Amino acid sequence: MEDIIAAVGPRLRHFRRQRNCTLDELSTATGISISTLSRLESGQRKATLELLLPISRAHRVPLDELVGTSPLQPVTRSDRIVVPLTQRPGQFQSAKMIFDAARCEPDPRTHPGHEWFCVLSGKGRLVLGDHDVVLKAGEVAEFDTRIPHWFGSTGEGPVEILSMFGKQGERIRVRARTR
């Protein structure tokens, strides 16, 4: 906790500079004095909710991102990057995943649940039971994760997907369609 609090000042300075904003401009946008903003950034003043909320609004970033406590941090592994998009454990989960071209050797796994994903860019390879399918941008797959499955690149380049995962029995339900 102390590490998070100590890092707030430099993060505030980083966000302000990243947006090419002066202390004077931020003061005008937030109603917080220049001296208070300066002391916050240097760590001489402790951040409070009353000070952080207007700064968060001025920078148009969520409060947890501003102070560095967002649980939705990308996870990088040797062959992929996973960017969580939801934060409620046990509920329906979604993530953006980017698989490196090197992730092209199938290693099917099983686990309880139901998955739906859409290929955003590149070509992806889905091995699902006895099926081996190549999916292109805009194509979707939905399956019971108790069936041995694996997803990755075709080896031709990286592939980016939007994944939604639910516990066993949960499925995507299309409630509205155009004619």
N, C-alpha and C. Protein backbone atom coordinates (compact mmCIF):
# COMPACT_ATOMS: atom_id res chain seq x y z
N MET A 1 0.82 -1.19 0.00
CA MET A 1 0.00 0.00 0.00
C MET A 1 0.87 1.26 0.00
N GLU A 2 1.93 1.26 0.80
CA GLU A 2 2.83 2.42 0.86
C GLU A 2 3.45 2.69 -0.51
N ASP A 3 3.77 1.59 -1.25
CA ASP A 3 4.35 1.74 -2.59
C ASP A 3 3.39 2.46 -3.53
N ILE A 4 2.11 2.10 -3.44
CA ILE A 4 1.09 2.72 -4.30
C ILE A 4 0.99 4.21 -3.97
N ILE A 5 0.93 4.53 -2.69
CA ILE A 5 0.81 5.93 -2.26
C ILE A 5 2.04 6.73 -2.69
N ALA A 6 3.23 6.14 -2.53
CA ALA A 6 4.46 6.84 -2.91
C ALA A 6 4.55 7.07 -4.42
N ALA A 7 3.91 6.21 -5.20
CA ALA A 7 3.98 6.32 -6.66
C ALA A 7 2.95 7.28 -7.24
N VAL A 8 1.99 7.75 -6.44
CA VAL A 8 0.93 8.61 -6.95
C VAL A 8 1.49 9.91 -7.53
N GLY A 9 2.37 10.58 -6.82
CA GLY A 9 2.92 11.86 -7.30
C GLY A 9 3.56 11.74 -8.67
N PRO A 10 4.53 10.81 -8.84
CA PRO A 10 5.14 10.65 -10.17
C PRO A 10 4.12 10.27 -11.25
N ARG A 11 3.10 9.47 -10.90
CA ARG A 11 2.07 9.11 -11.89
C ARG A 11 1.26 10.34 -12.30
N LEU A 12 0.94 11.20 -11.33
CA LEU A 12 0.21 12.43 -11.65
C LEU A 12 1.02 13.29 -12.60
N ARG A 13 2.31 13.44 -12.32
CA ARG A 13 3.19 14.23 -13.19
C ARG A 13 3.27 13.60 -14.58
N HIS A 14 3.38 12.27 -14.61
CA HIS A 14 3.46 11.55 -15.89
C HIS A 14 2.22 11.80 -16.75
N PHE A 15 1.03 11.64 -16.15
CA PHE A 15 -0.22 11.86 -16.91
C PHE A 15 -0.31 13.31 -17.40
N ARG A 16 0.07 14.25 -16.55
CA ARG A 16 -0.02 15.67 -16.96
C ARG A 16 0.94 15.94 -18.11
N ARG A 17 2.16 15.47 -18.01
CA ARG A 17 3.16 15.72 -19.07
C ARG A 17 2.81 14.97 -20.35
N GLN A 18 2.28 13.77 -20.19
CA GLN A 18 1.88 12.97 -21.36
C GLN A 18 0.82 13.71 -22.18
N ARG A 19 0.02 14.51 -21.52
CA ARG A 19 -1.03 15.27 -22.19
C ARG A 19 -0.59 16.70 -22.52
N ASN A 20 0.70 16.98 -22.38
CA ASN A 20 1.25 18.31 -22.66
C ASN A 20 0.46 19.39 -21.94
N CYS A 21 0.19 19.15 -20.68
CA CYS A 21 -0.62 20.06 -19.87
C CYS A 21 0.28 20.73 -18.83
N THR A 22 0.16 22.02 -18.66
CA THR A 22 0.94 22.72 -17.65
C THR A 22 0.20 22.67 -16.31
N LEU A 23 0.91 22.96 -15.23
CA LEU A 23 0.26 23.04 -13.92
C LEU A 23 -0.82 24.11 -13.93
N ASP A 24 -0.57 25.21 -14.61
CA ASP A 24 -1.54 26.29 -14.70
C ASP A 24 -2.83 25.81 -15.40
N GLU A 25 -2.67 25.09 -16.51
CA GLU A 25 -3.84 24.58 -17.25
C GLU A 25 -4.61 23.56 -16.41
N LEU A 26 -3.88 22.69 -15.71
CA LEU A 26 -4.54 21.70 -14.87
C LEU A 26 -5.26 22.37 -13.69
N SER A 27 -4.64 23.42 -13.16
CA SER A 27 -5.26 24.17 -12.07
C SER A 27 -6.58 24.79 -12.53
N THR A 28 -6.58 25.36 -13.73
CA THR A 28 -7.80 25.96 -14.28
C THR A 28 -8.88 24.89 -14.50
N ALA A 29 -8.47 23.72 -15.00
CA ALA A 29 -9.43 22.65 -15.29
C ALA A 29 -10.00 22.01 -14.03
N THR A 30 -9.23 21.99 -12.95
CA THR A 30 -9.65 21.27 -11.74
C THR A 30 -10.11 22.16 -10.60
N GLY A 31 -9.68 23.44 -10.62
CA GLY A 31 -9.98 24.32 -9.49
C GLY A 31 -9.03 24.10 -8.32
N ILE A 32 -7.97 23.32 -8.52
CA ILE A 32 -6.96 23.05 -7.49
C ILE A 32 -5.80 24.00 -7.72
N SER A 33 -5.28 24.61 -6.67
CA SER A 33 -4.20 25.59 -6.83
C SER A 33 -2.94 24.95 -7.43
N ILE A 34 -2.16 25.76 -8.11
CA ILE A 34 -0.91 25.31 -8.72
C ILE A 34 0.02 24.77 -7.64
N SER A 35 0.11 25.45 -6.50
CA SER A 35 1.02 24.98 -5.44
C SER A 35 0.59 23.62 -4.90
N THR A 36 -0.71 23.38 -4.76
CA THR A 36 -1.19 22.08 -4.29
C THR A 36 -0.88 21.00 -5.31
N LEU A 37 -1.10 21.28 -6.59
CA LEU A 37 -0.78 20.32 -7.65
C LEU A 37 0.71 20.00 -7.66
N SER A 38 1.54 21.03 -7.52
CA SER A 38 2.98 20.84 -7.51
C SER A 38 3.41 19.97 -6.32
N ARG A 39 2.83 20.23 -5.15
CA ARG A 39 3.17 19.44 -3.96
C ARG A 39 2.67 18.00 -4.09
N LEU A 40 1.54 17.80 -4.73
CA LEU A 40 1.05 16.44 -4.97
C LEU A 40 2.03 15.66 -5.84
N GLU A 41 2.46 16.30 -6.94
CA GLU A 41 3.37 15.65 -7.87
C GLU A 41 4.73 15.35 -7.25
N SER A 42 5.19 16.21 -6.35
CA SER A 42 6.51 16.01 -5.72
C SER A 42 6.43 15.10 -4.50
N GLY A 43 5.22 14.73 -4.08
CA GLY A 43 5.06 13.85 -2.92
C GLY A 43 5.05 14.59 -1.60
N GLN A 44 5.07 15.92 -1.64
CA GLN A 44 5.05 16.71 -0.42
C GLN A 44 3.65 16.86 0.16
N ARG A 45 2.64 16.50 -0.63
CA ARG A 45 1.25 16.57 -0.18
C ARG A 45 0.62 15.22 -0.44
N LYS A 46 -0.09 14.70 0.54
CA LYS A 46 -0.75 13.41 0.41
C LYS A 46 -2.01 13.56 -0.44
N ALA A 47 -2.19 12.65 -1.38
CA ALA A 47 -3.35 12.68 -2.27
C ALA A 47 -4.60 12.28 -1.50
N THR A 48 -5.68 13.00 -1.73
CA THR A 48 -6.98 12.68 -1.15
C THR A 48 -7.97 12.50 -2.28
N LEU A 49 -9.09 11.89 -1.99
CA LEU A 49 -10.12 11.69 -2.99
C LEU A 49 -10.61 13.02 -3.55
N GLU A 50 -10.72 14.03 -2.69
CA GLU A 50 -11.18 15.35 -3.15
C GLU A 50 -10.23 15.97 -4.17
N LEU A 51 -8.96 15.63 -4.09
CA LEU A 51 -7.98 16.15 -5.05
C LEU A 51 -7.87 15.25 -6.28
N LEU A 52 -7.94 13.94 -6.07
CA LEU A 52 -7.73 13.01 -7.19
C LEU A 52 -8.91 12.95 -8.16
N LEU A 53 -10.13 13.07 -7.67
CA LEU A 53 -11.29 12.99 -8.57
C LEU A 53 -11.28 14.07 -9.65
N PRO A 54 -11.07 15.36 -9.32
CA PRO A 54 -11.04 16.35 -10.41
C PRO A 54 -9.86 16.16 -11.36
N ILE A 55 -8.74 15.68 -10.85
CA ILE A 55 -7.58 15.43 -11.71
C ILE A 55 -7.89 14.27 -12.66
N SER A 56 -8.53 13.23 -12.12
CA SER A 56 -8.93 12.08 -12.93
C SER A 56 -9.88 12.53 -14.05
N ARG A 57 -10.84 13.38 -13.71
CA ARG A 57 -11.78 13.89 -14.73
C ARG A 57 -11.06 14.74 -15.77
N ALA A 58 -10.16 15.59 -15.32
CA ALA A 58 -9.44 16.47 -16.25
C ALA A 58 -8.59 15.68 -17.24
N HIS A 59 -7.98 14.60 -16.77
CA HIS A 59 -7.15 13.77 -17.65
C HIS A 59 -7.96 12.73 -18.41
N ARG A 60 -9.25 12.58 -18.03
CA ARG A 60 -10.15 11.59 -18.65
C ARG A 60 -9.59 10.17 -18.52
N VAL A 61 -9.16 9.85 -17.30
CA VAL A 61 -8.70 8.49 -17.01
C VAL A 61 -9.39 8.02 -15.73
N PRO A 62 -9.68 6.72 -15.64
CA PRO A 62 -10.29 6.21 -14.41
C PRO A 62 -9.36 6.45 -13.22
N LEU A 63 -9.96 6.65 -12.07
CA LEU A 63 -9.20 6.93 -10.86
C LEU A 63 -8.19 5.83 -10.56
N ASP A 64 -8.59 4.56 -10.72
CA ASP A 64 -7.66 3.48 -10.40
C ASP A 64 -6.46 3.46 -11.35
N GLU A 65 -6.65 3.89 -12.58
CA GLU A 65 -5.52 3.98 -13.52
C GLU A 65 -4.61 5.15 -13.14
N LEU A 66 -5.21 6.23 -12.70
CA LEU A 66 -4.44 7.40 -12.30
C LEU A 66 -3.51 7.09 -11.13
N VAL A 67 -3.99 6.31 -10.17
CA VAL A 67 -3.15 6.01 -9.01
C VAL A 67 -2.43 4.67 -9.13
N GLY A 68 -2.66 3.95 -10.22
CA GLY A 68 -1.90 2.72 -10.47
C GLY A 68 -2.41 1.50 -9.74
N THR A 69 -3.71 1.43 -9.46
CA THR A 69 -4.24 0.27 -8.77
C THR A 69 -5.20 -0.54 -9.64
N SER A 70 -5.25 -0.25 -10.91
CA SER A 70 -6.17 -0.96 -11.79
C SER A 70 -5.81 -2.43 -11.86
N PRO A 71 -6.76 -3.32 -11.56
CA PRO A 71 -6.48 -4.75 -11.66
C PRO A 71 -6.45 -5.22 -13.11
N LEU A 72 -6.82 -4.36 -14.04
CA LEU A 72 -6.90 -4.75 -15.44
C LEU A 72 -5.59 -4.47 -16.16
N GLN A 73 -4.51 -5.00 -15.64
CA GLN A 73 -3.20 -4.81 -16.24
C GLN A 73 -2.93 -5.93 -17.24
N PRO A 74 -2.32 -5.62 -18.39
CA PRO A 74 -1.98 -6.67 -19.35
C PRO A 74 -1.03 -7.69 -18.73
N VAL A 75 -1.22 -8.94 -19.10
CA VAL A 75 -0.35 -10.02 -18.66
C VAL A 75 0.41 -10.50 -19.88
N THR A 76 1.74 -10.45 -19.81
CA THR A 76 2.57 -10.86 -20.94
C THR A 76 3.20 -12.21 -20.63
N ARG A 77 3.02 -13.14 -21.55
CA ARG A 77 3.67 -14.44 -21.46
C ARG A 77 4.58 -14.56 -22.67
N SER A 78 5.32 -15.63 -22.78
CA SER A 78 6.30 -15.77 -23.86
C SER A 78 5.68 -15.69 -25.24
N ASP A 79 4.44 -16.18 -25.39
CA ASP A 79 3.84 -16.25 -26.72
C ASP A 79 2.54 -15.48 -26.87
N ARG A 80 2.17 -14.70 -25.82
CA ARG A 80 0.90 -13.97 -25.92
C ARG A 80 0.82 -12.84 -24.89
N ILE A 81 -0.09 -11.92 -25.20
CA ILE A 81 -0.43 -10.84 -24.27
C ILE A 81 -1.93 -10.95 -24.02
N VAL A 82 -2.32 -10.91 -22.76
CA VAL A 82 -3.72 -10.97 -22.39
C VAL A 82 -4.07 -9.67 -21.68
N VAL A 83 -5.05 -8.95 -22.22
CA VAL A 83 -5.52 -7.70 -21.62
C VAL A 83 -6.92 -7.93 -21.07
N PRO A 84 -7.06 -8.09 -19.74
CA PRO A 84 -8.40 -8.31 -19.18
C PRO A 84 -9.29 -7.10 -19.44
N LEU A 85 -10.56 -7.34 -19.73
CA LEU A 85 -11.51 -6.26 -19.96
C LEU A 85 -12.61 -6.22 -18.91
N THR A 86 -12.68 -7.25 -18.07
CA THR A 86 -13.62 -7.28 -16.97
C THR A 86 -12.86 -7.58 -15.69
N GLN A 87 -13.47 -7.23 -14.55
CA GLN A 87 -12.74 -7.41 -13.31
C GLN A 87 -13.52 -8.11 -12.21
N ARG A 88 -14.62 -8.76 -12.55
CA ARG A 88 -15.39 -9.46 -11.53
C ARG A 88 -15.10 -10.94 -11.59
N PRO A 89 -14.28 -11.48 -10.67
CA PRO A 89 -13.98 -12.91 -10.68
C PRO A 89 -15.25 -13.72 -10.49
N GLY A 90 -15.31 -14.86 -11.17
CA GLY A 90 -16.47 -15.73 -11.03
C GLY A 90 -17.61 -15.36 -11.95
N GLN A 91 -17.57 -14.19 -12.54
CA GLN A 91 -18.61 -13.74 -13.46
C GLN A 91 -18.13 -13.99 -14.88
N PHE A 92 -18.95 -13.59 -15.83
CA PHE A 92 -18.59 -13.65 -17.23
C PHE A 92 -17.33 -12.81 -17.44
N GLN A 93 -16.31 -13.34 -18.05
CA GLN A 93 -15.03 -12.65 -18.23
C GLN A 93 -14.80 -12.34 -19.70
N SER A 94 -14.14 -11.22 -19.97
CA SER A 94 -13.74 -10.91 -21.34
C SER A 94 -12.30 -10.41 -21.34
N ALA A 95 -11.62 -10.66 -22.45
CA ALA A 95 -10.23 -10.24 -22.58
C ALA A 95 -9.88 -10.09 -24.05
N LYS A 96 -8.93 -9.22 -24.30
CA LYS A 96 -8.34 -9.10 -25.63
C LYS A 96 -7.04 -9.90 -25.55
N MET A 97 -6.79 -10.76 -26.52
CA MET A 97 -5.59 -11.58 -26.52
C MET A 97 -4.85 -11.41 -27.84
N ILE A 98 -3.54 -11.29 -27.73
CA ILE A 98 -2.70 -11.19 -28.91
C ILE A 98 -1.70 -12.34 -28.85
N PHE A 99 -1.81 -13.25 -29.82
CA PHE A 99 -0.93 -14.41 -29.87
C PHE A 99 0.18 -14.17 -30.88
N ASP A 100 1.39 -14.42 -30.47
CA ASP A 100 2.57 -14.31 -31.32
C ASP A 100 2.52 -15.37 -32.42
N ALA A 101 3.17 -15.12 -33.55
CA ALA A 101 3.21 -16.09 -34.65
C ALA A 101 3.84 -17.40 -34.20
N ALA A 102 4.71 -17.35 -33.19
CA ALA A 102 5.38 -18.56 -32.71
C ALA A 102 4.42 -19.51 -32.00
N ARG A 103 3.27 -19.01 -31.57
CA ARG A 103 2.29 -19.88 -30.89
C ARG A 103 1.48 -20.58 -31.97
N CYS A 104 2.06 -21.62 -32.55
CA CYS A 104 1.38 -22.32 -33.64
C CYS A 104 1.38 -23.84 -33.47
N GLU A 105 1.93 -24.34 -32.37
CA GLU A 105 1.92 -25.78 -32.11
C GLU A 105 0.80 -26.11 -31.13
N PRO A 106 -0.22 -26.85 -31.57
CA PRO A 106 -1.36 -27.14 -30.70
C PRO A 106 -0.98 -27.93 -29.44
N ASP A 107 -1.61 -27.56 -28.35
CA ASP A 107 -1.47 -28.24 -27.06
C ASP A 107 -2.85 -28.20 -26.40
N PRO A 108 -3.79 -29.03 -26.92
CA PRO A 108 -5.18 -28.96 -26.45
C PRO A 108 -5.32 -29.21 -24.94
N ARG A 109 -6.23 -28.44 -24.33
CA ARG A 109 -6.55 -28.53 -22.90
C ARG A 109 -8.05 -28.55 -22.73
N THR A 110 -8.49 -28.93 -21.54
CA THR A 110 -9.91 -28.87 -21.20
C THR A 110 -10.06 -28.20 -19.84
N HIS A 111 -11.21 -27.61 -19.61
CA HIS A 111 -11.57 -27.02 -18.32
C HIS A 111 -13.05 -26.70 -18.38
N PRO A 112 -13.70 -26.59 -17.23
CA PRO A 112 -15.12 -26.26 -17.25
C PRO A 112 -15.36 -24.85 -17.78
N GLY A 113 -16.40 -24.67 -18.55
CA GLY A 113 -16.76 -23.34 -19.03
C GLY A 113 -17.25 -23.35 -20.45
N HIS A 114 -17.50 -22.15 -20.94
CA HIS A 114 -17.97 -21.95 -22.31
C HIS A 114 -17.26 -20.72 -22.86
N GLU A 115 -16.71 -20.82 -24.04
CA GLU A 115 -15.95 -19.70 -24.60
C GLU A 115 -16.51 -19.28 -25.94
N TRP A 116 -16.43 -17.97 -26.15
CA TRP A 116 -16.81 -17.36 -27.42
C TRP A 116 -15.69 -16.40 -27.76
N PHE A 117 -15.19 -16.42 -28.98
CA PHE A 117 -14.21 -15.40 -29.36
C PHE A 117 -14.37 -15.00 -30.81
N CYS A 118 -13.90 -13.79 -31.06
CA CYS A 118 -13.95 -13.21 -32.40
C CYS A 118 -12.52 -12.82 -32.78
N VAL A 119 -12.11 -13.19 -33.97
CA VAL A 119 -10.79 -12.80 -34.46
C VAL A 119 -10.87 -11.34 -34.91
N LEU A 120 -10.02 -10.50 -34.32
CA LEU A 120 -10.00 -9.07 -34.66
C LEU A 120 -9.05 -8.78 -35.81
N SER A 121 -7.89 -9.45 -35.82
CA SER A 121 -6.93 -9.27 -36.91
C SER A 121 -6.04 -10.50 -37.01
N GLY A 122 -5.51 -10.72 -38.19
CA GLY A 122 -4.65 -11.87 -38.44
C GLY A 122 -5.47 -13.12 -38.72
N LYS A 123 -4.78 -14.26 -38.72
CA LYS A 123 -5.43 -15.55 -38.90
C LYS A 123 -5.14 -16.41 -37.69
N GLY A 124 -6.21 -16.99 -37.15
CA GLY A 124 -6.06 -17.85 -35.98
C GLY A 124 -6.39 -19.28 -36.32
N ARG A 125 -5.78 -20.17 -35.58
CA ARG A 125 -6.03 -21.59 -35.76
C ARG A 125 -6.69 -22.11 -34.50
N LEU A 126 -7.85 -22.77 -34.65
CA LEU A 126 -8.57 -23.36 -33.55
C LEU A 126 -8.57 -24.88 -33.73
N VAL A 127 -8.05 -25.58 -32.74
CA VAL A 127 -8.14 -27.03 -32.71
C VAL A 127 -9.18 -27.33 -31.63
N LEU A 128 -10.28 -27.96 -32.05
CA LEU A 128 -11.40 -28.24 -31.16
C LEU A 128 -11.83 -29.68 -31.38
N GLY A 129 -11.44 -30.54 -30.44
CA GLY A 129 -11.71 -31.97 -30.62
C GLY A 129 -10.99 -32.46 -31.86
N ASP A 130 -11.75 -33.03 -32.82
CA ASP A 130 -11.17 -33.55 -34.07
C ASP A 130 -11.09 -32.49 -35.16
N HIS A 131 -11.58 -31.28 -34.89
CA HIS A 131 -11.62 -30.22 -35.90
C HIS A 131 -10.39 -29.33 -35.80
N ASP A 132 -9.90 -28.91 -36.96
CA ASP A 132 -8.76 -27.99 -37.05
C ASP A 132 -9.19 -26.90 -38.04
N VAL A 133 -9.48 -25.69 -37.52
CA VAL A 133 -10.10 -24.65 -38.32
C VAL A 133 -9.24 -23.39 -38.32
N VAL A 134 -9.14 -22.73 -39.47
CA VAL A 134 -8.48 -21.43 -39.57
C VAL A 134 -9.57 -20.36 -39.60
N LEU A 135 -9.45 -19.38 -38.70
CA LEU A 135 -10.41 -18.29 -38.62
C LEU A 135 -9.73 -16.98 -39.00
N LYS A 136 -10.43 -16.17 -39.80
CA LYS A 136 -9.91 -14.86 -40.22
C LYS A 136 -10.63 -13.74 -39.49
N ALA A 137 -10.14 -12.53 -39.66
CA ALA A 137 -10.73 -11.36 -39.01
C ALA A 137 -12.24 -11.32 -39.25
N GLY A 138 -13.00 -11.13 -38.17
CA GLY A 138 -14.45 -11.06 -38.25
C GLY A 138 -15.14 -12.39 -38.03
N GLU A 139 -14.40 -13.49 -38.01
CA GLU A 139 -15.02 -14.79 -37.80
C GLU A 139 -15.03 -15.12 -36.30
N VAL A 140 -16.03 -15.90 -35.92
CA VAL A 140 -16.31 -16.16 -34.51
C VAL A 140 -16.34 -17.67 -34.25
N ALA A 141 -15.92 -18.05 -33.05
CA ALA A 141 -16.03 -19.44 -32.61
C ALA A 141 -16.69 -19.45 -31.24
N GLU A 142 -17.51 -20.47 -30.98
CA GLU A 142 -18.15 -20.65 -29.69
C GLU A 142 -18.08 -22.13 -29.37
N PHE A 143 -17.67 -22.48 -28.14
CA PHE A 143 -17.54 -23.89 -27.81
C PHE A 143 -17.54 -24.15 -26.31
N ASP A 144 -17.86 -25.39 -25.99
CA ASP A 144 -17.81 -25.89 -24.62
C ASP A 144 -16.35 -26.21 -24.34
N THR A 145 -15.78 -25.63 -23.28
CA THR A 145 -14.35 -25.79 -23.02
C THR A 145 -14.00 -27.14 -22.40
N ARG A 146 -15.02 -28.01 -22.19
CA ARG A 146 -14.73 -29.37 -21.75
C ARG A 146 -14.25 -30.22 -22.92
N ILE A 147 -14.44 -29.71 -24.14
CA ILE A 147 -13.91 -30.37 -25.34
C ILE A 147 -12.44 -29.95 -25.44
N PRO A 148 -11.52 -30.90 -25.68
CA PRO A 148 -10.10 -30.50 -25.82
C PRO A 148 -9.97 -29.42 -26.89
N HIS A 149 -9.32 -28.31 -26.52
CA HIS A 149 -9.23 -27.18 -27.43
C HIS A 149 -7.89 -26.46 -27.28
N TRP A 150 -7.53 -25.76 -28.34
CA TRP A 150 -6.32 -24.94 -28.37
C TRP A 150 -6.54 -23.85 -29.40
N PHE A 151 -6.01 -22.66 -29.14
CA PHE A 151 -6.11 -21.58 -30.11
C PHE A 151 -4.79 -20.84 -30.17
N GLY A 152 -4.39 -20.48 -31.37
CA GLY A 152 -3.15 -19.72 -31.55
C GLY A 152 -3.06 -19.21 -32.97
N SER A 153 -1.86 -18.90 -33.38
CA SER A 153 -1.61 -18.38 -34.72
C SER A 153 -1.48 -19.53 -35.72
N THR A 154 -1.67 -19.20 -36.97
CA THR A 154 -1.42 -20.19 -38.03
C THR A 154 0.08 -20.30 -38.29
N GLY A 155 0.86 -19.40 -37.71
CA GLY A 155 2.30 -19.36 -37.94
C GLY A 155 2.68 -18.31 -38.97
N GLU A 156 1.67 -17.73 -39.64
CA GLU A 156 1.91 -16.73 -40.67
C GLU A 156 2.11 -15.33 -40.09
N GLY A 157 1.72 -15.13 -38.85
CA GLY A 157 1.82 -13.83 -38.21
C GLY A 157 1.02 -13.83 -36.92
N PRO A 158 1.04 -12.72 -36.20
CA PRO A 158 0.27 -12.68 -34.95
C PRO A 158 -1.23 -12.66 -35.22
N VAL A 159 -2.00 -13.06 -34.22
CA VAL A 159 -3.45 -13.01 -34.32
C VAL A 159 -3.98 -12.36 -33.04
N GLU A 160 -5.00 -11.52 -33.22
CA GLU A 160 -5.60 -10.77 -32.12
C GLU A 160 -7.06 -11.20 -32.01
N ILE A 161 -7.49 -11.54 -30.78
CA ILE A 161 -8.87 -11.96 -30.60
C ILE A 161 -9.52 -11.23 -29.43
N LEU A 162 -10.83 -11.20 -29.46
CA LEU A 162 -11.65 -10.75 -28.34
C LEU A 162 -12.32 -12.01 -27.80
N SER A 163 -12.03 -12.34 -26.54
CA SER A 163 -12.54 -13.57 -25.95
C SER A 163 -13.53 -13.26 -24.84
N MET A 164 -14.60 -14.05 -24.78
CA MET A 164 -15.54 -13.97 -23.67
C MET A 164 -15.70 -15.38 -23.13
N PHE A 165 -15.58 -15.51 -21.82
CA PHE A 165 -15.58 -16.80 -21.18
C PHE A 165 -16.57 -16.80 -20.03
N GLY A 166 -17.38 -17.83 -19.98
CA GLY A 166 -18.35 -17.97 -18.90
C GLY A 166 -18.22 -19.32 -18.25
N LYS A 167 -18.77 -19.43 -17.06
CA LYS A 167 -18.72 -20.72 -16.38
C LYS A 167 -19.61 -21.71 -17.11
N GLN A 168 -19.49 -22.97 -16.75
CA GLN A 168 -20.23 -24.03 -17.42
C GLN A 168 -21.72 -23.71 -17.45
N GLY A 169 -22.34 -23.85 -18.62
CA GLY A 169 -23.76 -23.59 -18.76
C GLY A 169 -24.07 -22.18 -19.26
N GLU A 170 -23.14 -21.23 -19.09
CA GLU A 170 -23.36 -19.87 -19.60
C GLU A 170 -23.00 -19.84 -21.08
N ARG A 171 -23.83 -19.20 -21.85
CA ARG A 171 -23.56 -19.07 -23.28
C ARG A 171 -23.91 -17.66 -23.71
N ILE A 172 -23.38 -17.26 -24.84
CA ILE A 172 -23.72 -15.97 -25.43
C ILE A 172 -25.14 -16.09 -25.98
N ARG A 173 -25.96 -15.11 -25.69
CA ARG A 173 -27.32 -15.10 -26.21
C ARG A 173 -27.53 -13.83 -27.02
N VAL A 174 -27.85 -13.99 -28.28
CA VAL A 174 -28.12 -12.84 -29.14
C VAL A 174 -29.58 -12.45 -28.91
N ARG A 175 -29.79 -11.24 -28.39
CA ARG A 175 -31.14 -10.81 -28.03
C ARG A 175 -31.74 -9.85 -29.04
N ALA A 176 -30.92 -9.25 -29.88
CA ALA A 176 -31.45 -8.31 -30.86
C ALA A 176 -30.72 -8.53 -32.18
N ARG A 177 -31.48 -8.59 -33.23
CA ARG A 177 -30.90 -8.77 -34.58
C ARG A 177 -31.61 -7.84 -35.54
N THR A 178 -30.89 -7.41 -36.57
CA THR A 178 -31.55 -6.65 -37.63
C THR A 178 -32.07 -7.64 -38.65
N ARG A 179 -33.01 -7.21 -39.43
CA ARG A 179 -33.58 -8.12 -40.45
C ARG A 179 -32.74 -8.11 -41.67
